[in-house]
Amino acid sequence: MSDANSEAPLRMMILGAHPDDAEFHAGGLACRYAELGHVVRMISVTDGGAGHHFRKPAELVATRRAEAAASGNVIQSTYETWDFPDGRLLPSLDLREKIIREIRDFSPDLVLTHRVNDYHPDHRAVGQVVQDASYMVTVPLVVPDVPIVEREPVVAYMPDLFTKPCPLVPDVVYDVTRHVPTVAKMLACHRSQVFEFLPFNQGIADQVPEDEAGKQEWIKEWYCDWIRPRADRFREQLIAAYGDRANEIEYVEAYEVSEYAGSTDAEGLKRLFPVEE
């Protein structure tokens, strides 16, 4: 396992279902990795072509690909958008083999993805396929044209607040307060979503400001409102991790390590999730 303080940078891959999933769920940790000089690769498994109310799919796919690239540029990270259809993603063998190839080629220390307990079928599909690919990355005759990884990466599930059939049980609760402005800046790159479709979908389109400065402040407040409940949900784990200052922390990300992939100990978790002193 790479060490956060060693010469070799850590390598993190975030496999989200849609452009903007990586930032929304794991943007704080991505910012921390980037500022430490580690390598961050964000991937949208789908093309994002279903997430709108007036743009045509072909236009939307091109728009969202450009928006994702711009978001990655905020932290000097690569952001790739694949061609699987948005809203119609299935946990297929083709997708599994694509993810196996990606993990073998990139050789990450840490992979972040969705849980299979999620409201969105695309999220569930990605989480299922990452789980299915986790062991297979070590099997030489599976996708034999790409060499196997030397070691299984640790896979962790990104934060959510769903409780049925089972809630997220975090191994790491991570204070991201300092990174909120940067994550908001990344999310603001996804203009077709955060200033158009999502407000429409949530019935709050009339709240989006007309001016650019107002938009930037609005998306920061929107993001904060969405993630603030995480801190209360995981307050007990926050206290264990941060002690007395835990009750002052408002914005967190929480990660549950998958049982189906590479394992690590407490010191390994500290390396993979480098808490600021």
C-alpha atoms as a PDB file:
ATOM      1  CA  MET A   1       0.000   0.000   0.000  1.00  0.00           C
ATOM      2  CA  SER A   2       1.287   3.440  -0.885  1.00  0.00           C
ATOM      3  CA  ASP A   3       1.929   5.887   1.910  1.00  0.00           C
ATOM      4  CA  ALA A   4       0.475   9.422   1.815  1.00  0.00           C
ATOM      5  CA  ASN A   5       3.856  10.766   2.911  1.00  0.00           C
ATOM      6  CA  SER A   6       5.984   8.647   0.569  1.00  0.00           C
ATOM      7  CA  GLU A   7       7.307   9.651  -2.830  1.00  0.00           C
ATOM      8  CA  ALA A   8       4.836   7.458  -4.699  1.00  0.00           C
ATOM      9  CA  PRO A   9       1.443   9.199  -4.804  1.00  0.00           C
ATOM     10  CA  LEU A  10      -1.732   7.362  -3.947  1.00  0.00           C
ATOM     11  CA  ARG A  11      -4.107   6.620  -6.808  1.00  0.00           C
ATOM     12  CA  MET A  12      -7.848   7.011  -6.345  1.00  0.00           C
ATOM     13  CA  MET A  13     -10.574   6.123  -8.822  1.00  0.00           C
ATOM     14  CA  ILE A  14     -14.152   7.329  -8.344  1.00  0.00           C
ATOM     15  CA  LEU A  15     -16.679   5.311 -10.337  1.00  0.00           C
ATOM     16  CA  GLY A  16     -19.957   7.206 -10.362  1.00  0.00           C
ATOM     17  CA  ALA A  17     -23.012   6.541 -12.488  1.00  0.00           C
ATOM     18  CA  HIS A  18     -23.378  10.078 -13.867  1.00  0.00           C
ATOM     19  CA  PRO A  19     -21.358  13.224 -14.478  1.00  0.00           C
ATOM     20  CA  ASP A  20     -21.445  15.078 -11.112  1.00  0.00           C
ATOM     21  CA  ASP A  21     -21.851  11.949  -8.919  1.00  0.00           C
ATOM     22  CA  ALA A  22     -18.140  11.839  -8.071  1.00  0.00           C
ATOM     23  CA  GLU A  23     -18.057  15.430  -6.810  1.00  0.00           C
ATOM     24  CA  PHE A  24     -21.373  15.351  -5.016  1.00  0.00           C
ATOM     25  CA  HIS A  25     -20.604  12.195  -3.060  1.00  0.00           C
ATOM     26  CA  ALA A  26     -16.806  12.242  -2.758  1.00  0.00           C
ATOM     27  CA  GLY A  27     -15.654  15.703  -3.786  1.00  0.00           C
ATOM     28  CA  GLY A  28     -14.098  16.557  -0.450  1.00  0.00           C
ATOM     29  CA  LEU A  29     -11.802  13.550  -0.423  1.00  0.00           C
ATOM     30  CA  ALA A  30     -10.962  14.178  -4.090  1.00  0.00           C
ATOM     31  CA  CYS A  31      -9.908  17.727  -3.196  1.00  0.00           C
ATOM     32  CA  ARG A  32      -7.728  16.467  -0.363  1.00  0.00           C
ATOM     33  CA  TYR A  33      -6.031  13.895  -2.603  1.00  0.00           C
ATOM     34  CA  ALA A  34      -5.378  16.522  -5.260  1.00  0.00           C
ATOM     35  CA  GLU A  35      -3.817  19.020  -2.859  1.00  0.00           C
ATOM     36  CA  LEU A  36      -1.532  16.304  -1.482  1.00  0.00           C
ATOM     37  CA  GLY A  37      -0.298  15.532  -4.993  1.00  0.00           C
ATOM     38  CA  HIS A  38      -2.097  12.209  -5.266  1.00  0.00           C
ATOM     39  CA  VAL A  39      -3.709  11.022  -8.502  1.00  0.00           C
ATOM     40  CA  VAL A  40      -7.489  11.286  -8.860  1.00  0.00           C
ATOM     41  CA  ARG A  41      -9.412   9.728 -11.727  1.00  0.00           C
ATOM     42  CA  MET A  42     -13.145  10.424 -11.859  1.00  0.00           C
ATOM     43  CA  ILE A  43     -15.378   8.403 -14.163  1.00  0.00           C
ATOM     44  CA  SER A  44     -19.022   8.721 -15.126  1.00  0.00           C
ATOM     45  CA  VAL A  45     -20.113   5.281 -16.291  1.00  0.00           C
ATOM     46  CA  THR A  46     -23.109   6.651 -18.206  1.00  0.00           C
ATOM     47  CA  ASP A  47     -23.159   9.352 -20.867  1.00  0.00           C
ATOM     48  CA  GLY A  48     -25.510  11.601 -18.880  1.00  0.00           C
ATOM     49  CA  GLY A  49     -27.931  11.779 -21.804  1.00  0.00           C
ATOM     50  CA  ALA A  50     -31.178  11.411 -19.819  1.00  0.00           C
ATOM     51  CA  GLY A  51     -30.801  14.111 -17.185  1.00  0.00           C
ATOM     52  CA  HIS A  52     -32.686  17.048 -18.622  1.00  0.00           C
ATOM     53  CA  HIS A  53     -36.116  18.428 -19.436  1.00  0.00           C
ATOM     54  CA  PHE A  54     -35.589  20.388 -22.668  1.00  0.00           C
ATOM     55  CA  ARG A  55     -32.147  19.600 -24.096  1.00  0.00           C
ATOM     56  CA  LYS A  56     -31.981  16.835 -26.710  1.00  0.00           C
ATOM     57  CA  PRO A  57     -30.003  13.712 -25.753  1.00  0.00           C
ATOM     58  CA  ALA A  58     -27.199  14.134 -28.313  1.00  0.00           C
ATOM     59  CA  GLU A  59     -26.659  17.758 -27.287  1.00  0.00           C
ATOM     60  CA  LEU A  60     -26.860  16.812 -23.623  1.00  0.00           C
ATOM     61  CA  VAL A  61     -24.239  14.064 -23.899  1.00  0.00           C
ATOM     62  CA  ALA A  62     -21.741  16.455 -25.482  1.00  0.00           C
ATOM     63  CA  THR A  63     -22.577  19.164 -22.960  1.00  0.00           C
ATOM     64  CA  ARG A  64     -22.203  16.935 -19.928  1.00  0.00           C
ATOM     65  CA  ARG A  65     -18.932  15.468 -21.180  1.00  0.00           C
ATOM     66  CA  ALA A  66     -17.506  18.985 -21.457  1.00  0.00           C
ATOM     67  CA  GLU A  67     -18.930  19.957 -18.058  1.00  0.00           C
ATOM     68  CA  ALA A  68     -17.333  16.919 -16.401  1.00  0.00           C
ATOM     69  CA  ALA A  69     -13.947  17.703 -17.940  1.00  0.00           C
ATOM     70  CA  ALA A  70     -14.205  21.283 -16.679  1.00  0.00           C
ATOM     71  CA  SER A  71     -15.035  20.036 -13.189  1.00  0.00           C
ATOM     72  CA  GLY A  72     -12.013  17.758 -13.172  1.00  0.00           C
ATOM     73  CA  ASN A  73      -9.820  20.652 -14.241  1.00  0.00           C
ATOM     74  CA  VAL A  74     -10.722  22.508 -11.042  1.00  0.00           C
ATOM     75  CA  ILE A  75      -8.528  20.067  -9.108  1.00  0.00           C
ATOM     76  CA  GLN A  76      -6.335  19.034 -12.063  1.00  0.00           C
ATOM     77  CA  SER A  77      -7.967  15.614 -12.241  1.00  0.00           C
ATOM     78  CA  THR A  78      -8.982  13.521 -15.225  1.00  0.00           C
ATOM     79  CA  TYR A  79     -12.727  13.097 -15.634  1.00  0.00           C
ATOM     80  CA  GLU A  80     -13.893  10.558 -18.191  1.00  0.00           C
ATOM     81  CA  THR A  81     -17.475  10.075 -19.368  1.00  0.00           C
ATOM     82  CA  TRP A  82     -18.252   6.655 -20.799  1.00  0.00           C
ATOM     83  CA  ASP A  83     -20.894   5.803 -23.402  1.00  0.00           C
ATOM     84  CA  PHE A  84     -23.293   3.554 -21.486  1.00  0.00           C
ATOM     85  CA  PRO A  85     -26.842   4.967 -21.725  1.00  0.00           C
ATOM     86  CA  ASP A  86     -28.028   7.170 -18.880  1.00  0.00           C
ATOM     87  CA  GLY A  87     -31.186   5.868 -17.219  1.00  0.00           C
ATOM     88  CA  ARG A  88     -30.852   2.432 -18.816  1.00  0.00           C
ATOM     89  CA  LEU A  89     -27.710   1.076 -17.181  1.00  0.00           C
ATOM     90  CA  LEU A  90     -27.645  -2.632 -16.397  1.00  0.00           C
ATOM     91  CA  PRO A  91     -25.049  -4.644 -14.448  1.00  0.00           C
ATOM     92  CA  SER A  92     -23.946  -6.329 -17.649  1.00  0.00           C
ATOM     93  CA  LEU A  93     -20.918  -8.451 -18.479  1.00  0.00           C
ATOM     94  CA  ASP A  94     -19.763  -5.746 -20.919  1.00  0.00           C
ATOM     95  CA  LEU A  95     -19.758  -3.183 -18.122  1.00  0.00           C
ATOM     96  CA  ARG A  96     -18.022  -5.565 -15.738  1.00  0.00           C
ATOM     97  CA  GLU A  97     -15.233  -6.198 -18.221  1.00  0.00           C
ATOM     98  CA  LYS A  98     -14.896  -2.474 -18.918  1.00  0.00           C
ATOM     99  CA  ILE A  99     -14.450  -1.803 -15.199  1.00  0.00           C
ATOM    100  CA  ILE A 100     -12.006  -4.694 -14.800  1.00  0.00           C
ATOM    101  CA  ARG A 101      -9.894  -3.230 -17.610  1.00  0.00           C
ATOM    102  CA  GLU A 102     -10.056   0.241 -16.079  1.00  0.00           C
ATOM    103  CA  ILE A 103      -8.964  -0.938 -12.644  1.00  0.00           C
ATOM    104  CA  ARG A 104      -6.127  -3.000 -14.075  1.00  0.00           C
ATOM    105  CA  ASP A 105      -4.907  -0.161 -16.306  1.00  0.00           C
ATOM    106  CA  PHE A 106      -5.080   2.520 -13.609  1.00  0.00           C
ATOM    107  CA  SER A 107      -4.019   0.294 -10.683  1.00  0.00           C
ATOM    108  CA  PRO A 108      -5.742   2.350  -7.965  1.00  0.00           C
ATOM    109  CA  ASP A 109      -5.051   2.123  -4.261  1.00  0.00           C
ATOM    110  CA  LEU A 110      -8.654   3.145  -3.565  1.00  0.00           C
ATOM    111  CA  VAL A 111     -11.855   2.816  -5.576  1.00  0.00           C
ATOM    112  CA  LEU A 112     -14.978   4.712  -4.529  1.00  0.00           C
ATOM    113  CA  THR A 113     -18.428   3.875  -5.826  1.00  0.00           C
ATOM    114  CA  HIS A 114     -22.140   3.714  -5.001  1.00  0.00           C
ATOM    115  CA  ARG A 115     -23.774   1.195  -2.715  1.00  0.00           C
ATOM    116  CA  VAL A 116     -26.263  -1.279  -4.135  1.00  0.00           C
ATOM    117  CA  ASN A 117     -28.825   0.201  -1.703  1.00  0.00           C
ATOM    118  CA  ASP A 118     -29.687   3.393  -3.546  1.00  0.00           C
ATOM    119  CA  TYR A 119     -32.674   5.170  -5.033  1.00  0.00           C
ATOM    120  CA  HIS A 120     -31.280   5.317  -8.577  1.00  0.00           C
ATOM    121  CA  PRO A 121     -31.084   2.156 -10.726  1.00  0.00           C
ATOM    122  CA  ASP A 122     -27.943   3.444 -12.464  1.00  0.00           C
ATOM    123  CA  HIS A 123     -26.232   3.903  -9.091  1.00  0.00           C
ATOM    124  CA  ARG A 124     -27.229   0.395  -8.040  1.00  0.00           C
ATOM    125  CA  ALA A 125     -25.931  -1.041 -11.310  1.00  0.00           C
ATOM    126  CA  VAL A 126     -22.515   0.598 -10.927  1.00  0.00           C
ATOM    127  CA  GLY A 127     -22.214  -0.525  -7.311  1.00  0.00           C
ATOM    128  CA  GLN A 128     -23.150  -4.081  -8.243  1.00  0.00           C
ATOM    129  CA  VAL A 129     -20.687  -4.265 -11.117  1.00  0.00           C
ATOM    130  CA  VAL A 130     -17.812  -2.854  -9.052  1.00  0.00           C
ATOM    131  CA  GLN A 131     -18.588  -5.501  -6.445  1.00  0.00           C
ATOM    132  CA  ASP A 132     -18.651  -8.188  -9.147  1.00  0.00           C
ATOM    133  CA  ALA A 133     -15.368  -6.941 -10.644  1.00  0.00           C
ATOM    134  CA  SER A 134     -13.506  -6.612  -7.350  1.00  0.00           C
ATOM    135  CA  TYR A 135     -12.205 -10.157  -7.095  1.00  0.00           C
ATOM    136  CA  MET A 136     -12.128 -10.758 -10.846  1.00  0.00           C
ATOM    137  CA  VAL A 137      -9.389  -8.150 -11.335  1.00  0.00           C
ATOM    138  CA  THR A 138      -7.033 -10.767  -9.849  1.00  0.00           C
ATOM    139  CA  VAL A 139      -8.070 -13.645 -12.151  1.00  0.00           C
ATOM    140  CA  PRO A 140      -5.746 -13.907 -15.196  1.00  0.00           C
ATOM    141  CA  LEU A 141      -8.160 -15.688 -17.545  1.00  0.00           C
ATOM    142  CA  VAL A 142     -10.875 -13.077 -16.992  1.00  0.00           C
ATOM    143  CA  VAL A 143     -10.285 -10.286 -19.532  1.00  0.00           C
ATOM    144  CA  PRO A 144      -6.971 -11.993 -20.410  1.00  0.00           C
ATOM    145  CA  ASP A 145      -5.759  -9.205 -22.718  1.00  0.00           C
ATOM    146  CA  VAL A 146      -5.020  -6.973 -19.694  1.00  0.00           C
ATOM    147  CA  PRO A 147      -2.550  -8.065 -16.982  1.00  0.00           C
ATOM    148  CA  ILE A 148      -4.021  -8.569 -13.528  1.00  0.00           C
ATOM    149  CA  VAL A 149      -3.400  -6.093 -10.725  1.00  0.00           C
ATOM    150  CA  GLU A 150      -0.549  -6.870  -8.357  1.00  0.00           C
ATOM    151  CA  ARG A 151      -2.870  -6.298  -5.420  1.00  0.00           C
ATOM    152  CA  GLU A 152      -6.580  -5.717  -5.036  1.00  0.00           C
ATOM    153  CA  PRO A 153      -7.492  -2.088  -4.435  1.00  0.00           C
ATOM    154  CA  VAL A 154      -9.532  -1.174  -1.400  1.00  0.00           C
ATOM    155  CA  VAL A 155     -13.110  -0.416  -2.480  1.00  0.00           C
ATOM    156  CA  ALA A 156     -15.267   1.900  -0.401  1.00  0.00           C
ATOM    157  CA  TYR A 157     -18.875   2.966  -0.778  1.00  0.00           C
ATOM    158  CA  MET A 158     -19.619   6.671  -1.021  1.00  0.00           C
ATOM    159  CA  PRO A 159     -21.950   8.302   1.516  1.00  0.00           C
ATOM    160  CA  ASP A 160     -25.707   8.035   1.424  1.00  0.00           C
ATOM    161  CA  LEU A 161     -28.452   8.247   4.026  1.00  0.00           C
ATOM    162  CA  PHE A 162     -30.652   5.362   2.876  1.00  0.00           C
ATOM    163  CA  THR A 163     -31.714   2.971   5.634  1.00  0.00           C
ATOM    164  CA  LYS A 164     -33.489   0.078   3.873  1.00  0.00           C
ATOM    165  CA  PRO A 165     -32.689  -2.734   3.474  1.00  0.00           C
ATOM    166  CA  CYS A 166     -29.615  -1.653   5.434  1.00  0.00           C
ATOM    167  CA  PRO A 167     -27.914   1.656   6.226  1.00  0.00           C
ATOM    168  CA  LEU A 168     -24.357   2.647   5.416  1.00  0.00           C
ATOM    169  CA  VAL A 169     -22.035   1.594   8.265  1.00  0.00           C
ATOM    170  CA  PRO A 170     -19.009   3.857   7.832  1.00  0.00           C
ATOM    171  CA  ASP A 171     -15.456   2.799   8.524  1.00  0.00           C
ATOM    172  CA  VAL A 172     -14.355   6.396   7.932  1.00  0.00           C
ATOM    173  CA  VAL A 173     -16.155   9.679   8.632  1.00  0.00           C
ATOM    174  CA  TYR A 174     -14.217  12.501   7.067  1.00  0.00           C
ATOM    175  CA  ASP A 175     -14.459  16.237   7.767  1.00  0.00           C
ATOM    176  CA  VAL A 176     -14.704  18.039   4.404  1.00  0.00           C
ATOM    177  CA  THR A 177     -15.670  21.492   5.663  1.00  0.00           C
ATOM    178  CA  ARG A 178     -12.576  23.227   4.303  1.00  0.00           C
ATOM    179  CA  HIS A 179     -13.173  21.774   0.841  1.00  0.00           C
ATOM    180  CA  VAL A 180     -16.826  22.807   0.484  1.00  0.00           C
ATOM    181  CA  PRO A 181     -16.049  25.927  -1.629  1.00  0.00           C
ATOM    182  CA  THR A 182     -13.960  23.890  -4.077  1.00  0.00           C
ATOM    183  CA  VAL A 183     -16.553  21.130  -4.349  1.00  0.00           C
ATOM    184  CA  ALA A 184     -19.210  23.778  -4.998  1.00  0.00           C
ATOM    185  CA  LYS A 185     -17.000  25.221  -7.731  1.00  0.00           C
ATOM    186  CA  MET A 186     -16.713  21.775  -9.293  1.00  0.00           C
ATOM    187  CA  LEU A 187     -20.461  21.233  -9.128  1.00  0.00           C
ATOM    188  CA  ALA A 188     -21.047  24.639 -10.719  1.00  0.00           C
ATOM    189  CA  CYS A 189     -19.256  23.353 -13.826  1.00  0.00           C
ATOM    190  CA  HIS A 190     -22.208  21.002 -14.331  1.00  0.00           C
ATOM    191  CA  ARG A 191     -24.403  23.891 -15.386  1.00  0.00           C
ATOM    192  CA  SER A 192     -26.958  21.826 -17.293  1.00  0.00           C
ATOM    193  CA  GLN A 193     -27.650  19.948 -14.061  1.00  0.00           C
ATOM    194  CA  VAL A 194     -27.258  22.265 -11.097  1.00  0.00           C
ATOM    195  CA  PHE A 195     -28.748  25.380 -12.684  1.00  0.00           C
ATOM    196  CA  GLU A 196     -31.251  23.724 -15.043  1.00  0.00           C
ATOM    197  CA  PHE A 197     -32.372  20.119 -14.608  1.00  0.00           C
ATOM    198  CA  LEU A 198     -32.049  19.489 -10.876  1.00  0.00           C
ATOM    199  CA  PRO A 199     -33.885  22.697  -9.904  1.00  0.00           C
ATOM    200  CA  PHE A 200     -36.612  21.746 -12.410  1.00  0.00           C
ATOM    201  CA  ASN A 201     -36.744  18.190 -11.061  1.00  0.00           C
ATOM    202  CA  GLN A 202     -36.966  19.416  -7.464  1.00  0.00           C
ATOM    203  CA  GLY A 203     -39.528  22.130  -8.225  1.00  0.00           C
ATOM    204  CA  ILE A 204     -37.215  24.984  -7.226  1.00  0.00           C
ATOM    205  CA  ALA A 205     -36.250  26.415 -10.626  1.00  0.00           C
ATOM    206  CA  ASP A 206     -37.604  29.804  -9.582  1.00  0.00           C
ATOM    207  CA  GLN A 207     -34.965  29.976  -6.827  1.00  0.00           C
ATOM    208  CA  VAL A 208     -31.969  29.933  -9.183  1.00  0.00           C
ATOM    209  CA  PRO A 209     -30.514  33.460  -9.477  1.00  0.00           C
ATOM    210  CA  GLU A 210     -30.144  35.094 -12.878  1.00  0.00           C
ATOM    211  CA  ASP A 211     -26.679  36.570 -12.300  1.00  0.00           C
ATOM    212  CA  GLU A 212     -23.514  34.489 -12.331  1.00  0.00           C
ATOM    213  CA  ALA A 213     -22.294  35.505  -8.882  1.00  0.00           C
ATOM    214  CA  GLY A 214     -25.694  34.657  -7.462  1.00  0.00           C
ATOM    215  CA  LYS A 215     -25.615  31.244  -9.146  1.00  0.00           C
ATOM    216  CA  GLN A 216     -22.237  30.430  -7.635  1.00  0.00           C
ATOM    217  CA  GLU A 217     -23.383  31.306  -4.127  1.00  0.00           C
ATOM    218  CA  TRP A 218     -26.680  29.492  -4.637  1.00  0.00           C
ATOM    219  CA  ILE A 219     -25.052  26.194  -5.635  1.00  0.00           C
ATOM    220  CA  LYS A 220     -22.779  26.346  -2.599  1.00  0.00           C
ATOM    221  CA  GLU A 221     -25.782  26.796  -0.299  1.00  0.00           C
ATOM    222  CA  TRP A 222     -27.700  24.035  -2.143  1.00  0.00           C
ATOM    223  CA  TYR A 223     -24.793  21.614  -1.753  1.00  0.00           C
ATOM    224  CA  CYS A 224     -24.394  22.465   1.937  1.00  0.00           C
ATOM    225  CA  ASP A 225     -28.094  21.926   2.581  1.00  0.00           C
ATOM    226  CA  TRP A 226     -27.943  18.512   0.920  1.00  0.00           C
ATOM    227  CA  ILE A 227     -24.899  17.187   2.764  1.00  0.00           C
ATOM    228  CA  ARG A 228     -25.437  18.779   6.202  1.00  0.00           C
ATOM    229  CA  PRO A 229     -27.607  15.857   7.486  1.00  0.00           C
ATOM    230  CA  ARG A 230     -24.661  13.488   7.067  1.00  0.00           C
ATOM    231  CA  ALA A 231     -22.893  14.961  10.084  1.00  0.00           C
ATOM    232  CA  ASP A 232     -25.890  14.334  12.345  1.00  0.00           C
ATOM    233  CA  ARG A 233     -26.407  10.811  10.995  1.00  0.00           C
ATOM    234  CA  PHE A 234     -22.799   9.870  11.688  1.00  0.00           C
ATOM    235  CA  ARG A 235     -22.184  12.014  14.789  1.00  0.00           C
ATOM    236  CA  GLU A 236     -21.188   9.056  16.955  1.00  0.00           C
ATOM    237  CA  GLN A 237     -18.476   8.054  14.480  1.00  0.00           C
ATOM    238  CA  LEU A 238     -17.404  11.696  14.206  1.00  0.00           C
ATOM    239  CA  ILE A 239     -16.879  11.891  17.948  1.00  0.00           C
ATOM    240  CA  ALA A 240     -14.786   8.727  17.858  1.00  0.00           C
ATOM    241  CA  ALA A 241     -12.666  10.144  15.039  1.00  0.00           C
ATOM    242  CA  TYR A 242     -12.374  13.822  15.992  1.00  0.00           C
ATOM    243  CA  GLY A 243     -12.998  13.965  19.721  1.00  0.00           C
ATOM    244  CA  ASP A 244     -14.197  17.212  21.271  1.00  0.00           C
ATOM    245  CA  ARG A 245     -14.345  19.171  18.029  1.00  0.00           C
ATOM    246  CA  ALA A 246     -16.724  16.656  16.417  1.00  0.00           C
ATOM    247  CA  ASN A 247     -19.790  18.632  17.488  1.00  0.00           C
ATOM    248  CA  GLU A 248     -18.519  21.657  15.554  1.00  0.00           C
ATOM    249  CA  ILE A 249     -18.190  19.746  12.246  1.00  0.00           C
ATOM    250  CA  GLU A 250     -21.036  20.415   9.808  1.00  0.00           C
ATOM    251  CA  TYR A 251     -19.953  18.802   6.548  1.00  0.00           C
ATOM    252  CA  VAL A 252     -18.658  15.265   6.204  1.00  0.00           C
ATOM    253  CA  GLU A 253     -18.217  12.371   3.847  1.00  0.00           C
ATOM    254  CA  ALA A 254     -18.623   8.827   5.181  1.00  0.00           C
ATOM    255  CA  TYR A 255     -17.180   5.696   3.612  1.00  0.00           C
ATOM    256  CA  GLU A 256     -17.870   2.013   4.197  1.00  0.00           C
ATOM    257  CA  VAL A 257     -15.135  -0.383   3.067  1.00  0.00           C
ATOM    258  CA  SER A 258     -16.379  -3.224   0.872  1.00  0.00           C
ATOM    259  CA  GLU A 259     -15.905  -6.774   2.131  1.00  0.00           C
ATOM    260  CA  TYR A 260     -15.542  -8.010  -1.435  1.00  0.00           C
ATOM    261  CA  ALA A 261     -12.293  -6.277  -2.377  1.00  0.00           C
ATOM    262  CA  GLY A 262      -8.842  -5.546  -0.957  1.00  0.00           C
ATOM    263  CA  SER A 263      -8.573  -5.207   2.805  1.00  0.00           C
ATOM    264  CA  THR A 264      -6.619  -2.821   4.977  1.00  0.00           C
ATOM    265  CA  ASP A 265      -5.963  -2.135   8.641  1.00  0.00           C
ATOM    266  CA  ALA A 266      -6.397   1.021  10.702  1.00  0.00           C
ATOM    267  CA  GLU A 267      -3.074   2.439   9.529  1.00  0.00           C
ATOM    268  CA  GLY A 268      -4.025   1.682   5.945  1.00  0.00           C
ATOM    269  CA  LEU A 269      -7.279   3.594   6.379  1.00  0.00           C
ATOM    270  CA  LYS A 270      -5.323   6.581   7.674  1.00  0.00           C
ATOM    271  CA  ARG A 271      -3.167   6.501   4.552  1.00  0.00           C
ATOM    272  CA  LEU A 272      -6.129   6.177   2.187  1.00  0.00           C
ATOM    273  CA  PHE A 273      -8.227   8.788   3.998  1.00  0.00           C
ATOM    274  CA  PRO A 274      -5.622  11.369   5.079  1.00  0.00           C
ATOM    275  CA  VAL A 275      -7.207  13.420   7.841  1.00  0.00           C
ATOM    276  CA  GLU A 276      -5.943  16.968   8.255  1.00  0.00           C
ATOM    277  CA  GLU A 277      -4.186  17.571  11.558  1.00  0.00           C
END
